[in-house]
N, C-alpha and C. Protein backbone atom coordinates (compact mmCIF):
# COMPACT_ATOMS: atom_id res chain seq x y z
N MET A 1 -0.65 -4.53 -9.58
CA MET A 1 -0.36 -3.15 -9.12
C MET A 1 1.00 -3.01 -8.70
N SER A 2 1.74 -2.08 -9.03
CA SER A 2 3.16 -1.82 -8.58
C SER A 2 3.10 -1.18 -7.28
N PRO A 3 4.24 -1.36 -6.40
CA PRO A 3 4.37 -0.57 -5.24
C PRO A 3 4.18 0.95 -5.41
N ARG A 4 4.73 1.46 -6.49
CA ARG A 4 4.53 2.95 -6.71
C ARG A 4 3.07 3.34 -6.81
N GLU A 5 2.30 2.50 -7.49
CA GLU A 5 0.88 2.86 -7.68
C GLU A 5 0.24 2.75 -6.31
N ALA A 6 0.56 1.70 -5.54
CA ALA A 6 -0.12 1.55 -4.20
C ALA A 6 0.20 2.75 -3.31
N ILE A 7 1.47 3.12 -3.35
CA ILE A 7 1.84 4.25 -2.45
C ILE A 7 1.10 5.57 -2.92
N ARG A 8 0.87 5.74 -4.14
CA ARG A 8 0.20 6.92 -4.62
C ARG A 8 -1.30 6.93 -4.08
N ILE A 9 -1.90 5.75 -4.05
CA ILE A 9 -3.18 5.62 -3.51
C ILE A 9 -3.30 5.75 -1.98
N LEU A 10 -2.35 4.97 -1.33
CA LEU A 10 -2.40 4.99 0.06
C LEU A 10 -1.97 6.33 0.73
N MET A 11 -1.27 7.26 -0.05
CA MET A 11 -0.95 8.48 0.52
C MET A 11 -2.10 9.44 0.63
N PHE A 12 -3.30 9.06 0.23
CA PHE A 12 -4.53 9.86 0.52
C PHE A 12 -5.08 9.47 1.86
N SER A 13 -4.55 8.45 2.52
CA SER A 13 -5.05 8.05 3.90
C SER A 13 -4.27 8.83 4.86
N PRO A 14 -4.89 9.50 5.77
CA PRO A 14 -4.20 10.18 6.82
C PRO A 14 -3.43 9.27 7.78
N ILE A 15 -3.89 7.98 7.95
CA ILE A 15 -3.24 6.98 8.78
C ILE A 15 -1.80 6.62 8.17
N TYR A 16 -1.70 6.67 6.75
CA TYR A 16 -0.57 6.32 6.20
C TYR A 16 0.73 7.01 6.78
N PHE A 17 0.58 8.32 7.00
CA PHE A 17 1.76 9.08 7.54
C PHE A 17 2.00 8.88 9.09
N ARG A 18 1.14 8.24 9.72
CA ARG A 18 1.32 7.99 11.16
C ARG A 18 2.14 6.69 11.32
N LEU A 19 2.26 5.88 10.27
CA LEU A 19 3.03 4.62 10.38
C LEU A 19 4.53 4.86 10.24
N SER A 20 5.25 3.87 10.89
CA SER A 20 6.66 3.92 10.64
C SER A 20 7.04 3.55 9.20
N THR A 21 8.24 3.63 8.82
CA THR A 21 8.58 3.23 7.37
C THR A 21 8.44 1.79 7.16
N SER A 22 8.84 0.99 8.16
CA SER A 22 8.64 -0.44 7.97
C SER A 22 7.14 -0.84 7.93
N GLN A 23 6.35 -0.11 8.68
CA GLN A 23 4.95 -0.46 8.68
C GLN A 23 4.24 -0.07 7.30
N ARG A 24 4.78 1.04 6.78
CA ARG A 24 4.34 1.50 5.38
C ARG A 24 4.70 0.55 4.34
N TRP A 25 5.94 -0.05 4.42
CA TRP A 25 6.25 -1.01 3.42
C TRP A 25 5.47 -2.24 3.52
N GLN A 26 5.14 -2.71 4.73
CA GLN A 26 4.32 -3.81 4.91
C GLN A 26 2.89 -3.60 4.43
N LEU A 27 2.39 -2.50 4.64
CA LEU A 27 1.06 -2.03 4.07
C LEU A 27 1.00 -2.11 2.60
N VAL A 28 2.04 -1.47 2.06
CA VAL A 28 2.19 -1.48 0.53
C VAL A 28 2.19 -2.89 0.05
N ARG A 29 2.99 -3.73 0.54
CA ARG A 29 3.09 -5.13 0.18
C ARG A 29 1.84 -5.85 0.26
N GLU A 30 1.12 -5.68 1.39
CA GLU A 30 -0.13 -6.38 1.59
C GLU A 30 -1.21 -5.80 0.59
N TYR A 31 -1.19 -4.48 0.33
CA TYR A 31 -2.13 -3.93 -0.46
C TYR A 31 -1.91 -4.38 -1.95
N CYS A 32 -0.69 -4.50 -2.37
CA CYS A 32 -0.42 -5.02 -3.71
C CYS A 32 -0.80 -6.51 -3.76
N GLN A 33 -0.50 -7.25 -2.74
CA GLN A 33 -0.82 -8.66 -2.81
C GLN A 33 -2.31 -8.93 -2.86
N ARG A 34 -3.02 -8.22 -2.15
CA ARG A 34 -4.49 -8.42 -2.20
C ARG A 34 -5.12 -7.82 -3.46
N PHE A 35 -4.62 -6.67 -3.92
CA PHE A 35 -5.19 -6.14 -5.24
C PHE A 35 -4.77 -7.07 -6.34
N ASN A 36 -3.71 -7.57 -6.48
CA ASN A 36 -3.30 -8.60 -7.52
C ASN A 36 -3.93 -9.89 -7.49
N SER A 37 -4.31 -10.40 -6.28
CA SER A 37 -5.03 -11.64 -6.18
C SER A 37 -6.44 -11.54 -6.49
N CYS A 38 -6.93 -10.34 -6.48
CA CYS A 38 -8.50 -10.12 -6.87
C CYS A 38 -8.62 -9.89 -8.26
N ARG A 39 -7.55 -9.43 -9.03
CA ARG A 39 -7.67 -9.11 -10.37
C ARG A 39 -7.89 -10.44 -11.20
N ILE A 40 -8.67 -10.33 -12.31
CA ILE A 40 -8.88 -11.43 -13.18
C ILE A 40 -8.40 -11.07 -14.52
C-alpha cells in the first residue's frame, strides 16, 4: 500500500484530522508498514 492510498482510507476517520502533521505521517507510515507486512 502506498502512502497516498493509506491517506485516502485514514481520512474517513474523524481522529485523523485531530492529529498534527507529524502525527499523521507517523500514522500513515505505521498503517502502510502493518498492511504490507500482512499481505501475502
